[in-house]
């Protein structure tokens, strides 16, 4: 693993870019070309995460022009980030082409982590049934890999597969896989991921109309978030939905008001789930 990957903070891409820029000066494009180009692909990713797609493509153009003829990890990472940039900007066709290239490049190098990354990105842009098959392929790849970093994909892959089933309305199957993901996260003792995994379990329990079980989990998450001083808008949203079903108007409005305060300005939700935000806002105003 290139050591600069440990510097990633996906929630703060601008700060990550600054760290990468500092490291870039330490790499010689002549003496360490592959890592130099890999690092530039990650700078491009900091741009795409901020929806600065022209800047991302410009950086990736620079990488493409310097790629050696012989396939190496820089090729796989170039195709991954080009694909992510196309995907985030809405060009699914080009994203598919790039992720497929990344998969083949990484697989030919026995780079399991990046092969799985490519498969999981193909699953993200696939239709529901194909997404299930791709995530199952990625899970098998990770479970059978002898590379520890590749195995670390499993929590995310279980989560993604569960959402595939959730989106198809197969809530019982989704719940069983979300519980599997939660167990995996608890074994790894990663607090933020455990929090999210519990939220997913509770969300699926609501879909199954198991409201008391869902409420118990969400209230526990609410207390946990308050204790750390980091309120969670998605927990407030879910509590709003649960109290709405219980016909508790006061608590419904309170929780949707808090959800709107925390989620209303989220750029991703504004672009991709505007109807969801409108519902939160409407229920907060009653």
Protein backbone atom coordinates (compact mmCIF):
# COMPACT_ATOMS: atom_id res chain seq x y z
CA UNK A 1 0.00 0.00 0.00
CA UNK A 2 1.29 3.42 -0.89
CA UNK A 3 1.76 5.11 2.48
CA UNK A 4 -0.03 8.31 1.42
CA UNK A 5 -3.32 6.38 1.42
CA UNK A 6 -3.27 6.50 5.23
CA UNK A 7 -3.62 10.30 5.05
CA UNK A 8 -7.10 10.17 3.54
CA UNK A 9 -9.94 11.94 5.33
CA UNK A 10 -12.87 11.54 2.98
CA UNK A 11 -15.01 13.98 4.93
CA UNK A 12 -12.35 16.69 4.50
CA UNK A 13 -11.08 16.41 0.92
CA UNK A 14 -9.59 19.92 0.83
CA UNK A 15 -7.40 19.17 3.85
CA UNK A 16 -6.43 15.84 2.32
CA UNK A 17 -5.44 17.59 -0.91
CA UNK A 18 -3.09 19.86 1.03
CA UNK A 19 -1.39 16.88 2.64
CA UNK A 20 -1.06 15.15 -0.71
CA UNK A 21 0.39 18.28 -2.30
CA UNK A 22 3.05 18.41 0.39
CA UNK A 23 3.94 14.79 -0.28
CA UNK A 24 3.96 15.27 -4.04
CA UNK A 25 7.08 17.39 -3.73
CA UNK A 26 8.86 14.49 -2.06
CA UNK A 27 8.23 12.17 -5.01
CA UNK A 28 10.43 12.33 -8.05
CA UNK A 29 8.47 11.63 -11.21
CA UNK A 30 11.65 10.12 -12.60
CA UNK A 31 12.69 7.91 -9.67
CA UNK A 32 9.30 6.83 -8.35
CA UNK A 33 6.96 7.26 -11.28
CA UNK A 34 4.26 4.76 -10.24
CA UNK A 35 3.73 6.17 -6.73
CA UNK A 36 4.00 9.71 -8.08
CA UNK A 37 1.16 9.02 -10.52
CA UNK A 38 -0.88 7.13 -7.93
CA UNK A 39 -0.66 10.13 -5.61
CA UNK A 40 -1.87 12.41 -8.40
CA UNK A 41 -4.91 10.17 -8.93
CA UNK A 42 -5.78 10.71 -5.26
CA UNK A 43 -5.45 14.47 -5.61
CA UNK A 44 -7.91 14.14 -8.49
CA UNK A 45 -10.23 12.25 -6.17
CA UNK A 46 -10.18 15.12 -3.68
CA UNK A 47 -11.48 17.29 -6.53
CA UNK A 48 -14.26 14.91 -7.56
CA UNK A 49 -15.42 14.62 -3.94
CA UNK A 50 -15.87 18.40 -4.00
CA UNK A 51 -17.64 18.18 -7.38
CA UNK A 52 -14.73 19.99 -9.05
CA UNK A 53 -14.94 17.69 -12.03
CA UNK A 54 -12.99 19.78 -14.53
CA UNK A 55 -10.07 19.97 -12.11
CA UNK A 56 -10.27 16.24 -11.49
CA UNK A 57 -10.23 15.43 -15.19
CA UNK A 58 -7.38 17.84 -15.80
CA UNK A 59 -5.27 16.12 -13.15
CA UNK A 60 -6.17 12.71 -14.56
CA UNK A 61 -5.22 13.90 -18.05
CA UNK A 62 -1.76 14.67 -16.66
CA UNK A 63 -1.58 11.17 -15.18
CA UNK A 64 -2.75 9.54 -18.41
CA UNK A 65 -0.06 11.31 -20.41
CA UNK A 66 2.64 9.95 -18.08
CA UNK A 67 1.48 6.36 -17.68
CA UNK A 68 4.17 3.87 -18.73
CA UNK A 69 3.39 1.34 -21.44
CA UNK A 70 3.64 -1.61 -19.07
CA UNK A 71 0.62 -2.13 -16.84
CA UNK A 72 1.18 -1.27 -13.18
CA UNK A 73 -0.89 -0.12 -10.20
CA UNK A 74 -0.92 3.48 -11.43
CA UNK A 75 -2.98 2.32 -14.42
CA UNK A 76 -5.59 0.66 -12.20
CA UNK A 77 -5.86 3.68 -9.93
CA UNK A 78 -6.05 6.05 -12.87
CA UNK A 79 -9.02 4.13 -14.30
CA UNK A 80 -10.69 3.97 -10.87
CA UNK A 81 -10.52 7.71 -10.32
CA UNK A 82 -11.49 8.55 -13.88
CA UNK A 83 -14.48 6.26 -13.40
CA UNK A 84 -15.41 7.85 -10.07
CA UNK A 85 -15.22 11.29 -11.61
CA UNK A 86 -17.46 10.28 -14.51
CA UNK A 87 -19.88 8.55 -12.14
CA UNK A 88 -20.15 11.53 -9.78
CA UNK A 89 -20.81 13.85 -12.71
CA UNK A 90 -23.55 11.56 -14.09
CA UNK A 91 -21.77 9.86 -16.99
CA UNK A 92 -22.56 6.22 -16.17
CA UNK A 93 -21.49 4.85 -19.56
CA UNK A 94 -17.96 6.19 -19.31
CA UNK A 95 -17.83 5.23 -15.63
CA UNK A 96 -18.66 1.63 -16.53
CA UNK A 97 -15.89 1.53 -19.13
CA UNK A 98 -13.31 2.93 -16.70
CA UNK A 99 -14.27 0.66 -13.79
CA UNK A 100 -14.11 -2.37 -16.07
CA UNK A 101 -10.61 -1.34 -17.18
CA UNK A 102 -9.61 -0.82 -13.54
CA UNK A 103 -10.87 -4.29 -12.59
CA UNK A 104 -8.88 -5.96 -15.35
CA UNK A 105 -5.71 -3.96 -14.57
CA UNK A 106 -5.83 -4.65 -10.84
CA UNK A 107 -6.73 -8.30 -11.27
CA UNK A 108 -3.81 -8.88 -13.66
CA UNK A 109 -1.50 -7.50 -10.96
CA UNK A 110 -3.08 -9.60 -8.17
CA UNK A 111 -3.99 -6.36 -6.41
CA UNK A 112 -7.06 -7.70 -4.61
CA UNK A 113 -7.93 -4.48 -2.77
CA UNK A 114 -8.20 -2.45 -5.97
CA UNK A 115 -9.89 -5.29 -7.87
CA UNK A 116 -12.61 -5.30 -5.20
CA UNK A 117 -12.78 -1.49 -5.33
CA UNK A 118 -13.49 -1.69 -9.06
CA UNK A 119 -16.12 -4.43 -8.66
CA UNK A 120 -17.86 -2.50 -5.88
CA UNK A 121 -17.96 0.62 -8.07
CA UNK A 122 -19.45 -1.41 -10.93
CA UNK A 123 -22.10 -2.56 -8.47
CA UNK A 124 -22.91 1.02 -7.49
CA UNK A 125 -23.78 1.95 -11.09
CA UNK A 126 -25.50 -1.36 -11.96
CA UNK A 127 -29.19 -2.20 -12.08
CA UNK A 128 -30.51 -3.85 -8.89
CA UNK A 129 -30.16 -7.54 -9.81
CA UNK A 130 -26.75 -7.04 -11.41
CA UNK A 131 -25.66 -5.05 -8.36
CA UNK A 132 -26.50 -8.05 -6.14
CA UNK A 133 -24.37 -10.34 -8.30
CA UNK A 134 -21.46 -7.91 -8.37
CA UNK A 135 -21.48 -7.35 -4.62
CA UNK A 136 -21.63 -11.11 -4.06
CA UNK A 137 -18.63 -11.45 -6.40
CA UNK A 138 -16.74 -8.80 -4.45
CA UNK A 139 -17.58 -10.47 -1.12
CA UNK A 140 -16.27 -13.83 -2.34
CA UNK A 141 -13.14 -12.10 -3.63
CA UNK A 142 -12.56 -10.46 -0.24
CA UNK A 143 -13.36 -13.56 1.81
CA UNK A 144 -10.95 -15.69 -0.24
CA UNK A 145 -8.17 -13.11 -0.45
CA UNK A 146 -4.96 -13.64 1.51
CA UNK A 147 -4.39 -9.88 1.56
CA UNK A 148 -5.56 -8.27 4.82
CA UNK A 149 -6.37 -4.95 3.23
CA UNK A 150 -8.66 -6.70 0.76
CA UNK A 151 -10.46 -8.50 3.59
CA UNK A 152 -11.14 -5.12 5.19
CA UNK A 153 -13.63 -4.45 2.39
CA UNK A 154 -16.09 -6.95 3.89
CA UNK A 155 -17.94 -4.59 6.22
CA UNK A 156 -18.71 -2.16 3.39
CA UNK A 157 -19.58 -4.96 0.97
CA UNK A 158 -22.02 -6.60 3.39
CA UNK A 159 -23.62 -3.18 3.88
CA UNK A 160 -23.89 -2.56 0.13
CA UNK A 161 -25.38 -6.00 -0.55
CA UNK A 162 -27.94 -5.48 2.22
CA UNK A 163 -29.00 -2.19 0.66
CA UNK A 164 -29.36 -3.94 -2.70
CA UNK A 165 -31.89 -6.29 -1.13
CA UNK A 166 -33.53 -3.44 0.78
CA UNK A 167 -34.04 -1.49 -2.46
CA UNK A 168 -35.65 -4.56 -4.00
CA UNK A 169 -38.08 -4.75 -1.07
CA UNK A 170 -36.55 -7.97 0.29
CA UNK A 171 -36.36 -6.65 3.83
CA UNK A 172 -35.88 -9.93 5.72
CA UNK A 173 -32.88 -10.81 3.57
CA UNK A 174 -31.57 -7.25 3.94
CA UNK A 175 -31.89 -7.46 7.73
CA UNK A 176 -29.94 -10.71 7.92
CA UNK A 177 -27.05 -9.17 5.96
CA UNK A 178 -27.15 -5.89 7.91
CA UNK A 179 -26.84 -7.97 11.09
CA UNK A 180 -23.89 -9.77 9.53
CA UNK A 181 -22.30 -6.41 8.76
CA UNK A 182 -22.91 -5.24 12.33
CA UNK A 183 -21.26 -8.35 13.75
CA UNK A 184 -18.25 -7.83 11.49
CA UNK A 185 -17.96 -4.18 12.55
CA UNK A 186 -18.23 -5.07 16.23
CA UNK A 187 -15.45 -7.63 15.85
CA UNK A 188 -13.29 -4.89 14.30
CA UNK A 189 -14.28 -2.45 17.08
CA UNK A 190 -14.67 0.54 14.76
CA UNK A 191 -17.06 2.92 16.54
CA UNK A 192 -18.30 5.14 13.65
CA UNK A 193 -18.99 2.10 11.47
CA UNK A 194 -20.75 0.28 14.32
CA UNK A 195 -23.00 3.33 14.78
CA UNK A 196 -23.92 3.28 11.07
CA UNK A 197 -24.43 -0.48 11.06
CA UNK A 198 -26.89 -0.21 13.96
CA UNK A 199 -28.74 2.58 12.14
CA UNK A 200 -29.11 0.34 9.08
CA UNK A 201 -30.49 -2.50 11.20
CA UNK A 202 -33.02 -0.12 12.78
CA UNK A 203 -34.01 1.35 9.41
CA UNK A 204 -34.75 -2.15 8.11
CA UNK A 205 -36.74 -3.01 11.24
CA UNK A 206 -38.94 0.02 10.49
CA UNK A 207 -39.43 -1.29 6.95
CA UNK A 208 -40.53 -4.59 8.49
CA UNK A 209 -42.96 -2.67 10.75
CA UNK A 210 -41.06 -3.75 13.86
CA UNK A 211 -41.38 -0.27 15.27
CA UNK A 212 -40.54 -0.87 18.93
CA UNK A 213 -37.30 -2.65 18.07
CA UNK A 214 -36.39 0.10 15.64
CA UNK A 215 -37.23 2.80 18.19
CA UNK A 216 -35.07 1.15 20.88
CA UNK A 217 -32.02 1.17 18.62
CA UNK A 218 -32.56 4.70 17.29
CA UNK A 219 -33.06 6.15 20.79
CA UNK A 220 -29.84 4.47 21.91
CA UNK A 221 -28.04 6.01 18.91
CA UNK A 222 -29.61 9.37 19.76
CA UNK A 223 -28.19 9.18 23.30
CA UNK A 224 -24.80 8.03 22.01
CA UNK A 225 -24.61 10.93 19.56
CA UNK A 226 -25.54 13.43 22.26
CA UNK A 227 -22.89 12.03 24.59
CA UNK A 228 -20.18 12.62 21.99
CA UNK A 229 -21.46 16.07 21.03
CA UNK A 230 -22.05 14.98 17.44
CA UNK A 231 -25.76 15.03 16.64
CA UNK A 232 -26.75 12.86 13.70
CA UNK A 233 -29.33 14.14 11.23
CA UNK A 234 -30.19 10.67 9.97
CA UNK A 235 -31.02 9.48 13.47
CA UNK A 236 -33.30 12.49 13.93
CA UNK A 237 -34.94 11.72 10.59
CA UNK A 238 -35.61 8.11 11.56
CA UNK A 239 -36.96 9.10 14.96
CA UNK A 240 -39.24 11.56 13.19
CA UNK A 241 -40.54 8.77 10.94
CA UNK A 242 -41.07 6.45 13.91
CA UNK A 243 -42.91 9.03 16.00
CA UNK A 244 -44.99 9.89 12.94
CA UNK A 245 -46.11 6.26 12.74
CA UNK A 246 -46.85 6.36 16.47
CA UNK A 247 -48.89 9.55 15.85
CA UNK A 248 -46.91 11.58 18.37
CA UNK A 249 -47.11 14.96 16.66
CA UNK A 250 -44.92 16.92 19.08
CA UNK A 251 -41.99 14.52 18.92
CA UNK A 252 -42.46 14.08 15.17
CA UNK A 253 -42.08 17.81 14.53
CA UNK A 254 -39.17 18.14 16.97
CA UNK A 255 -37.13 15.39 15.34
CA UNK A 256 -37.85 16.48 11.77
CA UNK A 257 -36.89 20.06 12.71
CA UNK A 258 -33.53 18.78 13.98
CA UNK A 259 -33.13 16.58 10.90
CA UNK A 260 -33.78 19.56 8.63
CA UNK A 261 -31.23 21.70 10.48
CA UNK A 262 -28.56 19.02 10.03
CA UNK A 263 -29.41 17.60 6.60
CA UNK A 264 -31.07 20.50 4.80
CA UNK A 265 -27.81 21.91 3.44
CA UNK A 266 -26.24 18.59 2.50
CA UNK A 267 -25.05 18.94 -1.12
CA UNK A 268 -25.42 15.24 -1.94
CA UNK A 269 -28.99 15.08 -0.64
CA UNK A 270 -29.86 18.31 -2.44
CA UNK A 271 -28.74 16.86 -5.75
CA UNK A 272 -29.80 13.24 -5.37
CA UNK A 273 -32.65 13.13 -2.85
CA UNK A 274 -34.47 16.43 -3.10
CA UNK A 275 -37.85 14.78 -2.51
CA UNK A 276 -36.56 13.31 0.74
CA UNK A 277 -35.39 16.74 1.90
CA UNK A 278 -38.72 18.29 0.94
CA UNK A 279 -40.51 15.69 3.04
CA UNK A 280 -38.28 16.42 6.04
CA UNK A 281 -38.88 20.16 5.65
CA UNK A 282 -42.64 19.71 5.27
CA UNK A 283 -42.96 17.50 8.34
CA UNK A 284 -40.78 19.88 10.35
CA UNK A 285 -43.22 22.72 9.69
CA UNK A 286 -46.40 21.07 10.92
